Structures are given as structure tokens and as C-alpha cells.
Amino acid sequence: MWLAPEIVGGGTAVESKPADIFALAMLALEIFTGKLPFEEQGRTKAANRIRKGERPQFPQNAEDIGLTIQVQELLESCWCQDPEERLTIEEVVSVLEGFLRDDESGGRPSIDQNPGEPTPDEDHPSIEPQPPTPGKHPSSSTDIANLPS
């Protein structure tokens, strides 16, 4: 369980949407790396580091595991010490949608774009999920029913 600095600080702060955004980013790092942030520390030391403004370092192989510079910037924007400076969930979703659009077009996403301002791709309809085709993996055009044994 990841608590935001305003909660682990022992103050009067209560759980909030900005605290949830902080926790979401910590969980995302855990998913990308397969390791707990501050794994080498105990829970108390990790909480103290978070309270003091420290954040986990990204691994040296970050790009190799999908933690691109843009994803790192997104996570860092969710880890701001001041809860008012953190992205909102709507902004996080907008950035992630931008990642998907840019990935499909071969571009490089950036969170520096103002989520409220139109981007060149916004005049295209949104991507709608397609129902899975029987016998095919959803992310592949390969017919898995006809693969060699």
C-alpha cells in the first residue's frame, strides 16, 4: 500500500484523489519493474523517504522495460510533494490516451502538452476497442489456431 507524503507525514491529511494519484504512480512503477519501490528499505524507512520528498529511482534498463522518458515524466508528475501540483485522474487518462495515439502513429508522446488543449490527433475519432476474433490473440493478427505444434 502506497501512501502519499501528506498522509505518511502524520499530519491531519486524509486520503484524497491526489493521494490516490500518488499511489497509482507508485503501483505503476512496481508493475513495470516487478519490484517494490524502495525495496531495499523497510516500510518505515520508505515512508520517511517519501515524506522527505525522495522518490524511487528509475532502473538503468528503464527504456527496455517500457519506462520511456515520457512514462517517467508522467510518474514524476504524479509524485509531486504538493498534492495540488499532482495530475488529476482526467489528466493522467488524457496523457495515456496520447501515448496510445502516438504509439499508433509512431510519434513520441509528451506530458508537456496541456491536456485541455487540442492536439493534432484529436480531430480523429477516438479508438474504440474491437471485440476479439475467435482463434486470434487480441493484440496479434496471427491466427493462433493455425500455429505449428
N, C-alpha and C. Protein backbone atom coordinates (compact mmCIF):
# COMPACT_ATOMS: atom_id res chain seq x y z
N MET A 1 0.85 -1.17 0.00
CA MET A 1 0.00 0.00 0.00
C MET A 1 0.89 1.23 0.00
N TRP A 2 0.65 2.13 -0.93
CA TRP A 2 1.47 3.33 -1.06
C TRP A 2 0.70 4.54 -0.58
N LEU A 3 1.27 5.23 0.37
CA LEU A 3 0.65 6.42 0.92
C LEU A 3 1.41 7.65 0.46
N ALA A 4 0.65 8.69 0.15
CA ALA A 4 1.23 9.95 -0.29
C ALA A 4 1.93 10.64 0.88
N PRO A 5 2.87 11.55 0.59
CA PRO A 5 3.63 12.20 1.65
C PRO A 5 2.76 12.93 2.67
N GLU A 6 1.67 13.50 2.22
CA GLU A 6 0.81 14.23 3.15
C GLU A 6 0.09 13.29 4.13
N ILE A 7 0.01 12.01 3.78
CA ILE A 7 -0.63 11.04 4.68
C ILE A 7 0.41 10.39 5.59
N VAL A 8 1.58 10.01 5.02
CA VAL A 8 2.61 9.38 5.86
C VAL A 8 3.28 10.38 6.78
N GLY A 9 3.08 11.66 6.52
CA GLY A 9 3.71 12.70 7.33
C GLY A 9 3.14 12.82 8.72
N GLY A 10 2.07 12.09 9.01
CA GLY A 10 1.50 12.13 10.33
C GLY A 10 0.67 13.38 10.60
N GLY A 11 0.40 14.14 9.55
CA GLY A 11 -0.41 15.34 9.71
C GLY A 11 -1.89 15.00 9.77
N THR A 12 -2.69 15.98 9.50
CA THR A 12 -4.14 15.79 9.56
C THR A 12 -4.72 15.45 8.20
N ALA A 13 -3.87 15.27 7.20
CA ALA A 13 -4.35 14.95 5.85
C ALA A 13 -5.06 13.60 5.85
N VAL A 14 -6.07 13.51 5.04
CA VAL A 14 -6.80 12.27 4.89
C VAL A 14 -6.63 11.78 3.45
N GLU A 15 -7.05 10.56 3.22
CA GLU A 15 -6.96 10.03 1.86
C GLU A 15 -7.78 10.92 0.94
N SER A 16 -7.25 11.11 -0.27
CA SER A 16 -7.87 12.02 -1.23
C SER A 16 -7.55 11.56 -2.64
N LYS A 17 -8.16 12.20 -3.61
CA LYS A 17 -7.86 11.87 -5.01
C LYS A 17 -6.39 12.13 -5.34
N PRO A 18 -5.80 13.26 -4.91
CA PRO A 18 -4.37 13.44 -5.17
C PRO A 18 -3.51 12.34 -4.52
N ALA A 19 -3.91 11.88 -3.34
CA ALA A 19 -3.17 10.78 -2.69
C ALA A 19 -3.31 9.50 -3.50
N ASP A 20 -4.48 9.29 -4.09
CA ASP A 20 -4.68 8.12 -4.94
C ASP A 20 -3.80 8.18 -6.19
N ILE A 21 -3.62 9.37 -6.74
CA ILE A 21 -2.76 9.54 -7.92
C ILE A 21 -1.32 9.20 -7.56
N PHE A 22 -0.87 9.64 -6.39
CA PHE A 22 0.47 9.31 -5.93
C PHE A 22 0.62 7.78 -5.85
N ALA A 23 -0.35 7.13 -5.22
CA ALA A 23 -0.30 5.68 -5.06
C ALA A 23 -0.36 4.97 -6.41
N LEU A 24 -1.15 5.49 -7.34
CA LEU A 24 -1.25 4.89 -8.67
C LEU A 24 0.12 4.89 -9.36
N ALA A 25 0.84 5.99 -9.25
CA ALA A 25 2.16 6.07 -9.89
C ALA A 25 3.16 5.12 -9.24
N MET A 26 3.09 4.98 -7.91
CA MET A 26 3.98 4.03 -7.23
C MET A 26 3.65 2.59 -7.67
N LEU A 27 2.36 2.29 -7.77
CA LEU A 27 1.94 0.97 -8.22
C LEU A 27 2.39 0.72 -9.66
N ALA A 28 2.28 1.74 -10.51
CA ALA A 28 2.71 1.59 -11.90
C ALA A 28 4.20 1.26 -11.97
N LEU A 29 5.01 1.94 -11.16
CA LEU A 29 6.44 1.63 -11.14
C LEU A 29 6.67 0.20 -10.69
N GLU A 30 5.93 -0.23 -9.70
CA GLU A 30 6.04 -1.60 -9.21
C GLU A 30 5.69 -2.60 -10.31
N ILE A 31 4.67 -2.30 -11.09
CA ILE A 31 4.25 -3.20 -12.18
C ILE A 31 5.33 -3.23 -13.27
N PHE A 32 5.85 -2.07 -13.66
CA PHE A 32 6.89 -2.03 -14.70
C PHE A 32 8.14 -2.79 -14.28
N THR A 33 8.57 -2.61 -13.04
CA THR A 33 9.86 -3.17 -12.61
C THR A 33 9.74 -4.57 -12.01
N GLY A 34 8.56 -4.90 -11.52
CA GLY A 34 8.40 -6.18 -10.82
C GLY A 34 9.00 -6.14 -9.42
N LYS A 35 9.31 -4.94 -8.94
CA LYS A 35 9.91 -4.77 -7.62
C LYS A 35 9.19 -3.65 -6.88
N LEU A 36 9.19 -3.75 -5.57
CA LEU A 36 8.62 -2.69 -4.76
C LEU A 36 9.53 -1.47 -4.80
N PRO A 37 8.97 -0.28 -4.99
CA PRO A 37 9.81 0.91 -4.84
C PRO A 37 10.41 0.93 -3.43
N PHE A 38 11.64 1.33 -3.31
CA PHE A 38 12.36 1.34 -2.03
C PHE A 38 12.43 -0.06 -1.44
N GLU A 39 12.51 -1.07 -2.30
CA GLU A 39 12.51 -2.47 -1.86
C GLU A 39 13.58 -2.76 -0.82
N GLU A 40 14.71 -2.09 -0.93
CA GLU A 40 15.82 -2.33 -0.01
C GLU A 40 15.56 -1.75 1.37
N GLN A 41 14.52 -0.96 1.51
CA GLN A 41 14.18 -0.32 2.78
C GLN A 41 13.00 -1.04 3.43
N GLY A 42 12.85 -0.89 4.69
CA GLY A 42 11.64 -1.35 5.36
C GLY A 42 10.52 -0.35 5.12
N ARG A 43 9.33 -0.70 5.53
CA ARG A 43 8.17 0.19 5.31
C ARG A 43 8.35 1.55 6.00
N THR A 44 8.89 1.54 7.21
CA THR A 44 9.06 2.79 7.95
C THR A 44 10.06 3.70 7.25
N LYS A 45 11.19 3.13 6.82
CA LYS A 45 12.20 3.93 6.12
C LYS A 45 11.67 4.45 4.80
N ALA A 46 10.94 3.60 4.07
CA ALA A 46 10.36 4.03 2.80
C ALA A 46 9.39 5.18 3.02
N ALA A 47 8.54 5.07 4.05
CA ALA A 47 7.59 6.14 4.36
C ALA A 47 8.31 7.43 4.72
N ASN A 48 9.39 7.34 5.48
CA ASN A 48 10.17 8.53 5.85
C ASN A 48 10.80 9.17 4.62
N ARG A 49 11.30 8.35 3.71
CA ARG A 49 11.89 8.89 2.48
C ARG A 49 10.84 9.61 1.64
N ILE A 50 9.66 9.03 1.54
CA ILE A 50 8.57 9.66 0.79
C ILE A 50 8.18 10.98 1.45
N ARG A 51 8.05 10.96 2.76
CA ARG A 51 7.67 12.17 3.50
C ARG A 51 8.68 13.29 3.27
N LYS A 52 9.96 12.93 3.17
CA LYS A 52 11.03 13.92 2.97
C LYS A 52 11.15 14.38 1.52
N GLY A 53 10.35 13.81 0.64
CA GLY A 53 10.37 14.23 -0.77
C GLY A 53 11.17 13.34 -1.68
N GLU A 54 11.74 12.27 -1.16
CA GLU A 54 12.51 11.35 -2.01
C GLU A 54 11.55 10.48 -2.79
N ARG A 55 11.95 10.12 -3.98
CA ARG A 55 11.17 9.22 -4.81
C ARG A 55 12.08 8.12 -5.31
N PRO A 56 11.51 6.99 -5.68
CA PRO A 56 12.34 5.88 -6.18
C PRO A 56 13.07 6.29 -7.45
N GLN A 57 14.23 5.70 -7.64
CA GLN A 57 14.97 5.93 -8.88
C GLN A 57 14.46 4.96 -9.93
N PHE A 58 14.51 5.40 -11.16
CA PHE A 58 14.14 4.50 -12.25
C PHE A 58 15.33 3.60 -12.54
N PRO A 59 15.07 2.34 -12.88
CA PRO A 59 16.19 1.41 -13.12
C PRO A 59 16.97 1.80 -14.37
N GLN A 60 18.20 1.31 -14.46
CA GLN A 60 19.05 1.61 -15.61
C GLN A 60 18.46 1.07 -16.90
N ASN A 61 17.72 -0.01 -16.81
CA ASN A 61 17.11 -0.61 -18.00
C ASN A 61 15.69 -0.10 -18.23
N ALA A 62 15.39 1.09 -17.74
CA ALA A 62 14.03 1.63 -17.80
C ALA A 62 13.42 1.57 -19.20
N GLU A 63 14.14 2.06 -20.18
CA GLU A 63 13.62 2.07 -21.55
C GLU A 63 13.31 0.65 -22.04
N ASP A 64 14.16 -0.30 -21.66
CA ASP A 64 13.98 -1.69 -22.09
C ASP A 64 12.70 -2.32 -21.54
N ILE A 65 12.24 -1.84 -20.39
CA ILE A 65 11.05 -2.43 -19.78
C ILE A 65 9.81 -1.56 -19.98
N GLY A 66 9.92 -0.59 -20.89
CA GLY A 66 8.77 0.24 -21.22
C GLY A 66 8.66 1.54 -20.46
N LEU A 67 9.60 1.78 -19.55
CA LEU A 67 9.59 3.05 -18.80
C LEU A 67 10.32 4.11 -19.62
N THR A 68 9.65 4.54 -20.67
CA THR A 68 10.23 5.56 -21.53
C THR A 68 10.36 6.87 -20.75
N ILE A 69 11.07 7.80 -21.31
CA ILE A 69 11.21 9.12 -20.69
C ILE A 69 9.81 9.71 -20.45
N GLN A 70 8.91 9.52 -21.40
CA GLN A 70 7.57 10.08 -21.27
C GLN A 70 6.80 9.43 -20.13
N VAL A 71 6.95 8.13 -19.96
CA VAL A 71 6.28 7.45 -18.85
C VAL A 71 6.90 7.90 -17.53
N GLN A 72 8.21 8.04 -17.51
CA GLN A 72 8.88 8.52 -16.30
C GLN A 72 8.39 9.92 -15.93
N GLU A 73 8.23 10.79 -16.92
CA GLU A 73 7.72 12.14 -16.66
C GLU A 73 6.30 12.08 -16.11
N LEU A 74 5.50 11.18 -16.64
CA LEU A 74 4.13 11.01 -16.14
C LEU A 74 4.14 10.60 -14.68
N LEU A 75 4.95 9.59 -14.34
CA LEU A 75 5.02 9.13 -12.96
C LEU A 75 5.52 10.25 -12.05
N GLU A 76 6.53 10.96 -12.48
CA GLU A 76 7.06 12.05 -11.66
C GLU A 76 6.01 13.14 -11.44
N SER A 77 5.18 13.39 -12.44
CA SER A 77 4.11 14.38 -12.29
C SER A 77 3.05 13.93 -11.30
N CYS A 78 2.96 12.65 -11.10
CA CYS A 78 2.01 12.10 -10.12
C CYS A 78 2.61 12.02 -8.72
N TRP A 79 3.93 12.22 -8.62
CA TRP A 79 4.63 12.11 -7.34
C TRP A 79 4.94 13.46 -6.70
N CYS A 80 4.41 14.54 -7.23
CA CYS A 80 4.72 15.86 -6.65
C CYS A 80 4.46 15.85 -5.15
N GLN A 81 5.35 16.48 -4.42
CA GLN A 81 5.22 16.55 -2.97
C GLN A 81 3.93 17.28 -2.58
N ASP A 82 3.63 18.36 -3.29
CA ASP A 82 2.42 19.13 -3.04
C ASP A 82 1.26 18.48 -3.78
N PRO A 83 0.25 18.00 -3.07
CA PRO A 83 -0.87 17.32 -3.72
C PRO A 83 -1.57 18.17 -4.78
N GLU A 84 -1.56 19.48 -4.59
CA GLU A 84 -2.21 20.37 -5.55
C GLU A 84 -1.48 20.42 -6.89
N GLU A 85 -0.21 20.02 -6.90
CA GLU A 85 0.59 20.05 -8.13
C GLU A 85 0.51 18.73 -8.90
N ARG A 86 -0.05 17.70 -8.30
CA ARG A 86 -0.16 16.40 -8.97
C ARG A 86 -1.20 16.47 -10.09
N LEU A 87 -1.01 15.61 -11.07
CA LEU A 87 -2.01 15.49 -12.12
C LEU A 87 -3.31 14.97 -11.54
N THR A 88 -4.40 15.32 -12.17
CA THR A 88 -5.70 14.73 -11.82
C THR A 88 -5.85 13.44 -12.59
N ILE A 89 -6.82 12.63 -12.24
CA ILE A 89 -7.04 11.37 -12.97
C ILE A 89 -7.42 11.67 -14.42
N GLU A 90 -8.15 12.75 -14.64
CA GLU A 90 -8.52 13.12 -16.01
C GLU A 90 -7.27 13.45 -16.83
N GLU A 91 -6.31 14.13 -16.21
CA GLU A 91 -5.06 14.46 -16.90
C GLU A 91 -4.24 13.20 -17.16
N VAL A 92 -4.21 12.29 -16.20
CA VAL A 92 -3.49 11.03 -16.39
C VAL A 92 -4.10 10.26 -17.56
N VAL A 93 -5.41 10.16 -17.58
CA VAL A 93 -6.10 9.45 -18.67
C VAL A 93 -5.79 10.12 -20.01
N SER A 94 -5.81 11.44 -20.05
CA SER A 94 -5.53 12.17 -21.28
C SER A 94 -4.10 11.88 -21.77
N VAL A 95 -3.15 11.86 -20.85
CA VAL A 95 -1.77 11.56 -21.22
C VAL A 95 -1.66 10.13 -21.74
N LEU A 96 -2.29 9.19 -21.06
CA LEU A 96 -2.25 7.79 -21.51
C LEU A 96 -2.90 7.63 -22.87
N GLU A 97 -4.02 8.32 -23.10
CA GLU A 97 -4.65 8.26 -24.42
C GLU A 97 -3.71 8.83 -25.48
N GLY A 98 -2.98 9.90 -25.11
CA GLY A 98 -1.99 10.45 -26.03
C GLY A 98 -0.89 9.46 -26.36
N PHE A 99 -0.47 8.70 -25.34
CA PHE A 99 0.53 7.65 -25.57
C PHE A 99 0.01 6.66 -26.60
N LEU A 100 -1.24 6.26 -26.47
CA LEU A 100 -1.83 5.29 -27.40
C LEU A 100 -1.90 5.86 -28.81
N ARG A 101 -2.35 7.11 -28.93
CA ARG A 101 -2.43 7.74 -30.25
C ARG A 101 -1.04 7.86 -30.87
N ASP A 102 -0.08 8.31 -30.07
CA ASP A 102 1.27 8.49 -30.59
C ASP A 102 1.93 7.16 -30.94
N ASP A 103 1.64 6.13 -30.16
CA ASP A 103 2.20 4.81 -30.43
C ASP A 103 1.69 4.29 -31.77
N GLU A 104 0.42 4.51 -32.02
CA GLU A 104 -0.15 4.03 -33.28
C GLU A 104 0.37 4.82 -34.47
N SER A 105 0.68 6.10 -34.26
CA SER A 105 1.15 6.93 -35.37
C SER A 105 2.68 6.96 -35.45
N GLY A 106 3.35 6.31 -34.50
CA GLY A 106 4.81 6.27 -34.50
C GLY A 106 5.45 7.50 -33.88
N GLY A 107 4.66 8.35 -33.25
CA GLY A 107 5.18 9.57 -32.63
C GLY A 107 5.71 9.31 -31.24
N ARG A 108 6.25 10.35 -30.63
CA ARG A 108 6.78 10.27 -29.27
C ARG A 108 5.89 11.14 -28.39
N PRO A 109 5.16 10.54 -27.44
CA PRO A 109 4.25 11.32 -26.60
C PRO A 109 5.02 12.19 -25.60
N SER A 110 4.36 13.22 -25.13
CA SER A 110 4.94 14.08 -24.11
C SER A 110 3.84 14.57 -23.19
N ILE A 111 4.13 14.64 -21.90
CA ILE A 111 3.11 15.14 -20.98
C ILE A 111 3.16 16.65 -20.88
N ASP A 112 4.06 17.29 -21.62
CA ASP A 112 4.14 18.75 -21.57
C ASP A 112 2.95 19.40 -22.26
N GLN A 113 2.20 18.63 -23.06
CA GLN A 113 1.02 19.18 -23.70
C GLN A 113 -0.04 19.44 -22.65
N ASN A 114 -0.74 20.52 -22.81
CA ASN A 114 -1.85 20.83 -21.91
C ASN A 114 -2.99 19.90 -22.29
N PRO A 115 -3.43 19.01 -21.36
CA PRO A 115 -4.47 18.05 -21.70
C PRO A 115 -5.76 18.70 -22.17
N GLY A 116 -6.01 19.95 -21.80
CA GLY A 116 -7.23 20.61 -22.20
C GLY A 116 -7.17 21.20 -23.59
N GLU A 117 -5.97 21.30 -24.17
CA GLU A 117 -5.83 21.87 -25.50
C GLU A 117 -5.84 20.77 -26.55
N PRO A 118 -6.44 21.05 -27.70
CA PRO A 118 -6.49 20.01 -28.73
C PRO A 118 -5.09 19.68 -29.23
N THR A 119 -4.90 18.44 -29.57
CA THR A 119 -3.66 18.02 -30.20
C THR A 119 -3.98 17.69 -31.64
N PRO A 120 -2.98 17.60 -32.50
CA PRO A 120 -3.27 17.34 -33.91
C PRO A 120 -4.09 16.08 -34.14
N ASP A 121 -4.01 15.09 -33.27
CA ASP A 121 -4.74 13.84 -33.47
C ASP A 121 -6.17 13.89 -32.97
N GLU A 122 -6.57 14.94 -32.26
CA GLU A 122 -7.90 14.96 -31.67
C GLU A 122 -9.01 15.15 -32.69
N ASP A 123 -8.67 15.51 -33.93
CA ASP A 123 -9.72 15.63 -34.93
C ASP A 123 -10.05 14.27 -35.53
N HIS A 124 -9.34 13.23 -35.10
CA HIS A 124 -9.65 11.86 -35.50
C HIS A 124 -10.56 11.25 -34.44
N PRO A 125 -11.43 10.33 -34.84
CA PRO A 125 -12.28 9.70 -33.83
C PRO A 125 -11.44 8.90 -32.85
N SER A 126 -11.99 8.76 -31.63
CA SER A 126 -11.26 8.00 -30.62
C SER A 126 -11.19 6.53 -31.00
N ILE A 127 -10.21 5.88 -30.43
CA ILE A 127 -10.00 4.47 -30.71
C ILE A 127 -11.02 3.67 -29.93
N GLU A 128 -11.79 2.88 -30.62
CA GLU A 128 -12.78 2.03 -29.96
C GLU A 128 -12.22 0.62 -29.87
N PRO A 129 -12.36 -0.03 -28.72
CA PRO A 129 -11.87 -1.40 -28.62
C PRO A 129 -12.66 -2.32 -29.55
N GLN A 130 -11.94 -3.22 -30.16
CA GLN A 130 -12.57 -4.17 -31.07
C GLN A 130 -12.81 -5.48 -30.34
N PRO A 131 -13.93 -6.14 -30.60
CA PRO A 131 -14.16 -7.43 -29.95
C PRO A 131 -13.13 -8.44 -30.45
N PRO A 132 -12.73 -9.37 -29.59
CA PRO A 132 -11.73 -10.35 -30.02
C PRO A 132 -12.27 -11.24 -31.13
N THR A 133 -11.36 -11.59 -32.04
CA THR A 133 -11.70 -12.51 -33.11
C THR A 133 -11.42 -13.92 -32.63
N PRO A 134 -12.40 -14.84 -32.74
CA PRO A 134 -12.14 -16.21 -32.28
C PRO A 134 -10.89 -16.79 -32.95
N GLY A 135 -10.05 -17.43 -32.15
CA GLY A 135 -8.84 -18.07 -32.66
C GLY A 135 -7.66 -17.13 -32.82
N LYS A 136 -7.83 -15.87 -32.47
CA LYS A 136 -6.73 -14.90 -32.59
C LYS A 136 -6.51 -14.23 -31.26
N HIS A 137 -5.25 -13.99 -30.94
CA HIS A 137 -4.92 -13.23 -29.74
C HIS A 137 -5.30 -11.78 -30.00
N PRO A 138 -5.90 -11.07 -29.02
CA PRO A 138 -6.38 -9.72 -29.25
C PRO A 138 -5.33 -8.73 -29.71
N SER A 139 -4.06 -8.91 -29.36
CA SER A 139 -3.04 -7.95 -29.76
C SER A 139 -2.23 -8.43 -30.96
N SER A 140 -2.69 -9.45 -31.64
CA SER A 140 -1.93 -10.00 -32.74
C SER A 140 -2.83 -10.27 -33.93
N SER A 141 -2.25 -10.21 -35.11
CA SER A 141 -3.01 -10.58 -36.30
C SER A 141 -2.77 -12.04 -36.65
N THR A 142 -1.99 -12.73 -35.83
CA THR A 142 -1.68 -14.13 -36.07
C THR A 142 -2.84 -15.02 -35.65
N ASP A 143 -3.22 -15.93 -36.51
CA ASP A 143 -4.27 -16.87 -36.19
C ASP A 143 -3.66 -17.96 -35.32
N ILE A 144 -3.94 -17.93 -34.01
CA ILE A 144 -3.29 -18.85 -33.10
C ILE A 144 -3.79 -20.27 -33.25
N ALA A 145 -4.91 -20.45 -33.90
CA ALA A 145 -5.41 -21.80 -34.10
C ALA A 145 -4.57 -22.56 -35.12
N ASN A 146 -3.85 -21.84 -35.99
CA ASN A 146 -3.07 -22.49 -37.05
C ASN A 146 -1.56 -22.43 -36.82
N LEU A 147 -1.15 -22.19 -35.58
CA LEU A 147 0.28 -22.17 -35.28
C LEU A 147 0.83 -23.58 -35.29
N PRO A 148 2.10 -23.76 -35.70
CA PRO A 148 2.69 -25.11 -35.67
C PRO A 148 2.81 -25.61 -34.23
N SER A 149 2.67 -26.90 -34.07
CA SER A 149 2.76 -27.50 -32.74
C SER A 149 4.19 -27.67 -32.30
